[in-house]
Protein backbone atom coordinates (compact mmCIF):
# COMPACT_ATOMS: atom_id res chain seq x y z
CA MET A 1 53.02 46.72 87.53
CA SER A 2 55.79 44.14 87.74
CA ALA A 3 58.28 43.98 90.59
CA THR A 4 61.12 44.93 88.21
CA VAL A 5 59.34 48.10 87.06
CA ARG A 6 58.52 49.05 90.64
CA SER A 7 62.15 48.54 91.61
CA TRP A 8 63.37 50.80 88.81
CA LEU A 9 60.80 53.47 89.65
CA ALA A 10 61.88 53.41 93.31
CA ARG A 11 65.50 53.86 92.28
CA LEU A 12 64.59 56.78 90.03
CA VAL A 13 62.65 58.48 92.83
CA VAL A 14 65.50 58.00 95.32
CA GLY A 15 68.03 59.24 92.75
CA ALA A 16 65.93 62.32 91.96
CA GLY A 17 65.52 63.04 95.66
CA CYS A 18 69.26 62.80 96.27
CA LEU A 19 69.95 65.04 93.28
CA ALA A 20 67.48 67.64 94.52
CA PHE A 21 69.01 67.49 98.01
CA VAL A 22 72.63 68.01 96.96
CA ALA A 23 71.66 70.72 94.45
CA CYS A 24 70.13 73.00 97.10
CA ALA A 25 72.24 75.94 98.27
CA GLN A 26 71.91 77.50 101.71
CA GLN A 27 70.31 80.91 102.01
CA PRO A 28 72.79 83.77 101.37
CA ALA A 29 73.77 86.04 104.27
CA THR A 30 75.01 89.12 102.35
CA THR A 31 73.64 91.18 99.47
CA GLN A 32 76.68 90.16 97.40
CA ALA A 33 75.96 86.49 98.13
CA GLU A 34 72.40 86.89 96.81
CA HIS A 35 73.77 87.58 93.33
CA THR A 36 75.95 84.45 93.49
CA TYR A 37 72.98 82.47 94.82
CA ASN A 38 70.76 83.56 91.90
CA LEU A 39 73.51 82.81 89.38
CA TYR A 40 73.89 79.32 90.86
CA TYR A 41 70.26 78.45 90.11
CA ILE A 42 70.49 79.92 86.60
CA ILE A 43 73.46 77.64 85.92
CA LEU A 44 71.62 74.74 87.56
CA ALA A 45 68.59 75.30 85.29
CA LEU A 46 70.78 75.33 82.17
CA ALA A 47 72.60 72.22 83.41
CA LEU A 48 69.25 70.51 83.98
CA VAL A 49 68.20 71.27 80.37
CA VAL A 50 71.46 69.77 79.11
CA PHE A 51 71.08 66.76 81.40
CA ILE A 52 67.52 66.06 80.23
CA GLY A 53 68.55 66.50 76.60
CA VAL A 54 71.55 64.17 76.85
CA VAL A 55 69.72 61.48 78.83
CA GLY A 56 66.69 61.74 76.53
CA MET A 57 68.83 61.25 73.43
CA LEU A 58 70.70 58.39 75.11
CA LEU A 59 67.46 56.57 75.92
CA TRP A 60 66.09 57.24 72.45
CA PHE A 61 69.19 55.73 70.79
CA ILE A 62 69.12 52.74 73.15
CA PHE A 63 65.55 51.86 72.15
CA ARG A 64 65.68 53.06 68.55
CA TYR A 65 68.77 51.09 67.60
CA ARG A 66 68.42 48.02 69.78
CA ALA A 67 68.67 44.57 68.28
CA GLY A 68 65.55 42.68 67.26
CA ARG A 69 63.74 40.20 69.49
CA GLY A 70 65.68 37.28 68.19
CA GLY A 71 68.96 39.02 68.89
CA GLU A 72 70.12 38.17 65.38
CA GLY A 73 71.51 40.59 62.88
CA GLU A 74 72.87 44.07 63.28
CA PRO A 75 70.45 46.84 64.32
CA PRO A 76 69.97 49.84 61.96
CA GLN A 77 73.13 51.93 61.72
CA ARG A 78 73.81 55.62 61.02
CA HIS A 79 77.31 56.77 60.14
CA GLY A 80 77.52 60.40 61.29
CA SER A 81 75.82 63.58 60.24
CA THR A 82 77.14 67.06 59.49
CA ARG A 83 73.87 68.45 60.73
CA ALA A 84 74.35 66.70 64.11
CA ILE A 85 77.87 68.12 64.51
CA VAL A 86 76.69 71.66 63.70
CA LEU A 87 73.80 71.26 66.14
CA PHE A 88 76.17 70.05 68.85
CA PHE A 89 78.36 73.18 68.67
CA LEU A 90 75.39 75.49 68.14
CA ILE A 91 73.70 74.31 71.36
CA GLY A 92 76.91 74.88 73.36
CA THR A 93 77.32 78.36 71.90
CA VAL A 94 73.74 79.29 72.74
CA ILE A 95 74.13 78.09 76.35
CA VAL A 96 77.34 80.13 76.83
CA ALA A 97 75.74 83.18 75.20
CA ILE A 98 72.76 82.95 77.55
CA LEU A 99 74.94 82.46 80.64
CA PHE A 100 77.55 85.15 79.87
CA PRO A 101 75.50 88.29 80.66
CA PHE A 102 74.15 86.75 83.89
CA GLY A 103 77.69 85.92 84.99
CA GLU A 104 79.01 89.39 84.19
CA ILE A 105 76.17 91.09 86.08
CA ALA A 106 76.69 88.87 89.14
CA LEU A 107 80.48 89.45 89.07
CA THR A 108 80.02 93.23 88.82
CA ASN A 109 77.66 93.26 91.80
CA VAL A 110 79.90 91.01 93.91
CA GLU A 111 83.03 93.07 93.15
CA ALA A 112 81.29 96.42 93.79
CA ASN A 113 82.63 98.49 96.67
CA PRO A 114 79.89 100.72 98.13
CA LEU A 115 80.97 103.38 100.60
CA PRO A 116 81.87 101.34 103.70
CA ILE A 117 80.59 102.04 107.19
CA GLU A 118 83.21 99.81 108.78
CA THR A 119 86.79 99.11 107.70
CA ILE A 120 88.41 96.00 109.16
CA ASN A 121 91.99 94.89 108.61
CA VAL A 122 92.01 91.09 108.68
CA GLN A 123 95.33 89.29 108.96
CA GLY A 124 95.99 85.59 108.59
CA GLY A 125 98.98 83.83 110.11
CA GLN A 126 99.92 80.31 111.04
CA TRP A 127 97.46 79.41 112.49
CA GLN A 128 94.96 82.05 113.50
CA TRP A 129 93.13 85.13 112.27
CA SER A 130 93.10 88.63 113.73
CA ALA A 131 91.03 91.71 112.91
CA VAL A 132 91.63 95.39 113.60
CA TYR A 133 88.58 97.69 113.50
CA GLN A 134 90.08 100.94 112.23
CA ASN A 135 87.15 103.19 113.15
CA GLU A 136 86.72 101.85 116.68
CA GLY A 137 90.28 101.02 117.74
CA VAL A 138 89.31 97.44 118.61
CA VAL A 139 91.37 94.29 118.05
CA VAL A 140 89.99 90.75 118.04
CA THR A 141 92.11 87.68 117.51
CA GLY A 142 92.10 83.91 117.65
CA GLU A 143 94.64 81.58 119.20
CA SER A 144 96.63 78.94 117.37
CA PHE A 145 95.29 75.47 118.28
CA GLY A 146 92.82 77.25 120.59
CA LYS A 147 89.82 79.54 120.23
CA PRO A 148 88.79 80.92 116.81
CA MET A 149 88.62 84.64 116.09
CA VAL A 150 85.13 86.12 116.54
CA MET A 151 84.24 89.16 114.41
CA GLU A 152 81.07 91.14 115.08
CA VAL A 153 79.62 93.27 112.28
CA PRO A 154 76.40 95.30 111.99
CA ILE A 155 73.60 94.15 109.69
CA ASP A 156 72.76 96.04 106.47
CA GLU A 157 75.98 98.08 106.60
CA PRO A 158 78.81 97.80 104.02
CA ILE A 159 81.89 96.27 105.65
CA HIS A 160 85.20 96.80 103.86
CA ILE A 161 87.76 94.06 104.51
CA HIS A 162 91.48 94.66 103.96
CA LEU A 163 92.89 91.12 103.86
CA VAL A 164 96.55 90.15 104.07
CA SER A 165 98.76 87.28 105.24
CA ASN A 166 101.92 87.70 107.29
CA ASP A 167 103.54 84.38 106.31
CA VAL A 168 102.12 81.94 103.72
CA MET A 169 99.01 81.91 101.54
CA HIS A 170 95.72 81.49 103.40
CA GLU A 171 92.09 81.44 102.20
CA PHE A 172 89.40 83.55 103.87
CA PHE A 173 86.20 81.55 103.35
CA VAL A 174 82.70 82.04 104.76
CA PRO A 175 80.31 79.47 103.17
CA ALA A 176 77.12 81.38 104.08
CA PHE A 177 78.55 84.48 102.39
CA PHE A 178 79.27 82.50 99.18
CA PHE A 179 82.66 84.15 99.37
CA MET A 180 86.30 83.14 99.28
CA ARG A 181 89.42 85.29 98.90
CA ASN A 182 93.15 84.62 99.09
CA ALA A 183 95.17 86.15 101.91
CA LEU A 184 98.54 86.76 100.28
CA PRO A 185 101.78 87.88 101.96
CA GLY A 186 102.69 91.33 100.70
CA HIS A 187 99.67 91.63 98.38
CA PRO A 188 96.52 92.84 100.21
CA ASN A 189 93.11 91.75 98.93
CA ASP A 190 90.24 94.23 99.40
CA PHE A 191 86.51 93.54 99.20
CA THR A 192 83.20 94.66 100.68
CA TRP A 193 80.43 92.71 102.40
CA THR A 194 76.94 93.93 103.23
CA PRO A 195 75.50 91.43 105.74
CA SER A 196 71.76 90.99 105.20
CA ARG A 197 70.87 88.27 107.72
CA LEU A 198 71.33 88.13 111.49
CA GLY A 199 73.18 85.12 112.77
CA THR A 200 76.48 83.44 113.56
CA PHE A 201 78.38 82.18 110.53
CA GLN A 202 81.37 79.87 110.53
CA GLY A 203 84.48 80.65 108.49
CA GLN A 204 87.75 78.87 107.89
CA CYS A 205 91.01 78.87 106.01
CA ALA A 206 90.40 76.92 102.80
CA GLU A 207 94.02 76.80 101.62
CA PHE A 208 96.35 74.19 103.11
CA CYS A 209 98.82 76.34 105.07
CA GLY A 210 100.63 73.88 107.31
CA LEU A 211 100.02 71.41 110.11
CA GLY A 212 97.57 73.66 111.97
CA HIS A 213 95.41 74.38 108.91
CA ASP A 214 92.33 72.51 110.12
CA ASP A 215 92.27 74.61 113.33
CA MET A 216 92.46 77.94 111.49
CA ARG A 217 88.80 78.86 111.89
CA PHE A 218 86.89 82.05 112.65
CA VAL A 219 83.34 83.23 113.33
CA VAL A 220 81.41 86.17 111.87
CA LYS A 221 78.52 87.38 114.03
CA VAL A 222 76.02 89.63 112.28
CA VAL A 223 74.17 91.69 114.88
CA ALA A 224 71.81 94.66 115.07
CA GLN A 225 73.37 98.12 114.97
CA ALA A 226 72.61 98.77 118.65
CA ASP A 227 74.18 95.45 119.65
CA PHE A 228 77.28 96.24 117.60
CA ILE A 229 77.71 99.61 119.34
CA GLY A 230 77.35 97.87 122.71
CA TRP A 231 79.95 95.27 121.72
CA VAL A 232 82.41 97.98 120.67
CA LYS A 233 81.99 99.75 124.03
CA GLN A 234 82.55 96.48 125.87
CA GLU A 235 85.72 95.71 123.88
CA ARG A 236 87.09 99.21 124.44
CA ASN A 237 86.41 99.04 128.16
CA SER A 238 88.09 95.64 128.42
CA ILE A 239 91.26 97.15 126.94
CA LEU A 240 91.16 100.32 129.04
CA THR A 241 90.58 98.40 132.25
CA LEU A 242 93.36 95.88 131.60
CA ASP A 243 95.95 96.15 134.37
CA CYS A 244 98.75 94.12 135.90
CA ALA A 245 101.44 94.50 138.55
CA ALA A 246 104.71 96.20 137.66
CA ALA A 247 107.60 93.81 137.10
CA SER A 248 110.14 93.57 139.89
CA GLY A 249 113.13 95.75 139.04
CA ASN A 250 111.55 96.56 135.68
CA ASN A 251 112.80 93.21 134.37
CA VAL A 252 110.02 92.12 132.00
CA THR A 253 109.81 88.64 130.46
CA VAL A 254 107.45 87.60 127.67
CA THR A 255 107.26 84.07 126.24
CA ALA A 256 106.05 83.02 122.80
CA HIS A 257 104.56 79.53 122.46
CA ASP A 258 102.17 78.18 119.81
CA ILE A 259 102.21 81.58 118.03
CA GLN A 260 100.95 83.55 121.06
CA TRP A 261 102.38 85.44 124.01
CA ASP A 262 101.94 84.06 127.49
CA THR A 263 100.39 87.38 128.61
CA LYS A 264 98.44 90.32 127.22
CA CYS A 265 99.60 92.76 129.92
CA LEU A 266 103.08 93.92 130.91
CA ALA A 267 103.81 96.71 133.39
CA VAL A 268 106.91 98.62 134.53
CA THR A 269 107.60 101.58 136.79
CA GLN A 270 108.37 105.06 135.49
CA GLY A 271 111.92 106.40 135.61
CA GLN A 272 113.76 103.09 135.90
CA PRO A 273 115.73 101.24 133.19
CA ILE A 274 113.63 98.58 131.47
CA SER A 275 115.05 95.17 130.64
CA LEU A 276 112.98 93.01 128.26
CA THR A 277 113.55 89.26 127.88
CA VAL A 278 111.94 87.59 124.86
CA ALA A 279 111.72 83.79 125.09
CA ASN A 280 110.73 82.10 121.84
CA LEU A 281 109.66 78.47 122.34
CA ASP A 282 108.32 78.04 118.78
CA GLU A 283 110.94 75.99 117.00
CA GLY A 284 111.80 77.30 113.54
CA ILE A 285 109.49 80.34 113.85
CA ASP A 286 110.60 83.97 114.20
CA HIS A 287 109.10 86.42 116.71
CA ASN A 288 109.93 89.92 117.83
CA PHE A 289 108.54 92.39 120.37
CA ALA A 290 107.55 95.95 119.46
CA ILE A 291 105.92 98.81 121.40
CA TYR A 292 103.64 101.40 119.75
CA ASP A 293 101.45 104.29 120.82
CA GLY A 294 98.29 102.43 119.70
CA ILE A 295 96.86 99.75 117.42
CA ASP A 296 97.14 102.10 114.43
CA LEU A 297 100.95 101.79 114.81
CA LYS A 298 101.50 105.48 114.11
CA LYS A 299 104.54 105.77 116.36
CA GLU A 300 107.00 103.02 117.21
CA PHE A 301 108.89 103.36 120.50
CA PHE A 302 110.79 100.09 120.45
CA ALA A 303 111.24 97.00 118.25
CA SER A 304 113.52 94.11 119.06
CA PRO A 305 115.30 92.10 116.37
CA LYS A 306 113.66 88.85 115.30
CA VAL A 307 114.26 85.98 117.67
CA ALA A 308 114.47 82.62 115.87
CA GLY A 309 113.06 79.80 117.99
CA VAL A 310 114.04 78.13 120.14
CA ALA A 311 115.98 80.98 121.78
CA THR A 312 115.93 83.62 124.52
CA ASN A 313 117.34 87.14 124.19
CA THR A 314 117.33 90.21 126.45
CA TYR A 315 117.10 93.84 125.27
CA PRO A 316 117.13 97.29 126.90
CA VAL A 317 113.92 99.27 126.31
CA PRO A 318 114.00 103.10 126.11
CA THR A 319 112.43 105.05 128.97
CA LEU A 320 108.72 105.76 128.33
CA ALA A 321 106.36 108.32 129.78
CA PRO A 322 103.60 107.03 132.07
CA GLY A 323 100.60 105.63 130.22
CA LYS A 324 99.30 102.65 128.29
CA TYR A 325 100.98 101.44 125.12
CA TYR A 326 100.28 98.74 122.58
CA PHE A 327 102.69 95.86 121.99
CA GLN A 328 102.77 93.14 119.36
CA CYS A 329 104.97 90.73 117.48
CA ASN A 330 105.60 92.42 114.13
CA VAL A 331 105.92 89.01 112.48
CA HIS A 332 102.44 87.85 113.52
CA GLY A 333 100.68 91.15 114.14
CA PRO A 334 97.58 91.65 116.33
CA SER A 335 97.25 87.93 117.00
CA MET A 336 100.24 88.38 119.34
CA SER A 337 99.48 91.67 121.03
CA GLY A 338 98.69 93.29 124.38
CA VAL A 339 99.05 96.35 126.61
CA PHE A 340 102.36 97.70 127.89
CA ILE A 341 101.80 99.92 130.97
CA VAL A 342 104.22 102.42 132.43
CA LYS A 343 103.14 103.28 135.97
CA LYS A 344 104.01 106.37 137.98
């Protein structure tokens, strides 16, 4: 075997190896992703048939119609064929007809919404994610330019996600779930996952949403049912045990910077007038401060007007009965939230 032939064979082997490497998809982590995964390899198989056919014909024409040894004269010529044109369109039609039912079946299975065990409201905002577990009364959130949001979900249980944006368009993307959905302001997007593999899976915003886009990441942890129950208890206890000293003279100050409050706990004393100062250090971004009975926002006790940054405003807060309340910025939701305590 000549050196030239060996060189070409080596290149073909390396090329085939690279092609096989880039064509492999990671293992799916949800039952919905398994349907997308299977469809991917069906499309890959059809693409491989087309690739072999096109390359085979190309090589055949190269050798069949090459010039003679002397390089003189024109090689044999063919000037089109109706049969070839019909065959060209017929092959494409057959490929689409084969692929269509597989695609429809996969789409139906991915879009299916089995009865959910968990319902999670996920909200995107510049530049972090937050999630409210409706059944458990738990809130998890990320921090802009800081830590990503971490969601824990139980394995083999349908998880319904109610996705929305509170400012611009974002993209909720988990590569291992083979899943991507738009988070649109004012237009919720609903879908269901059924995690089928334990593990920690990285997610991110896949739609350019501003200067902090590359830091808008999140994590989905798929855990056993018992571990999920333990995590919920831990999160609940962390909220219930949250405490802080009452503000002197009931003059409370909260500062917004980098789309987050400087504290998650504010406390006042019962029976005294409450003065709330909202300092917004985020230039060109609106914030407000609102107090509710809980994370389900069933009853609103107070909501300040929007404060456009950079600015500081002070507001009187109505007298509240002793207890723990939930506060948040209504512009950015649970990602800017905490506990408001009225002490006896």
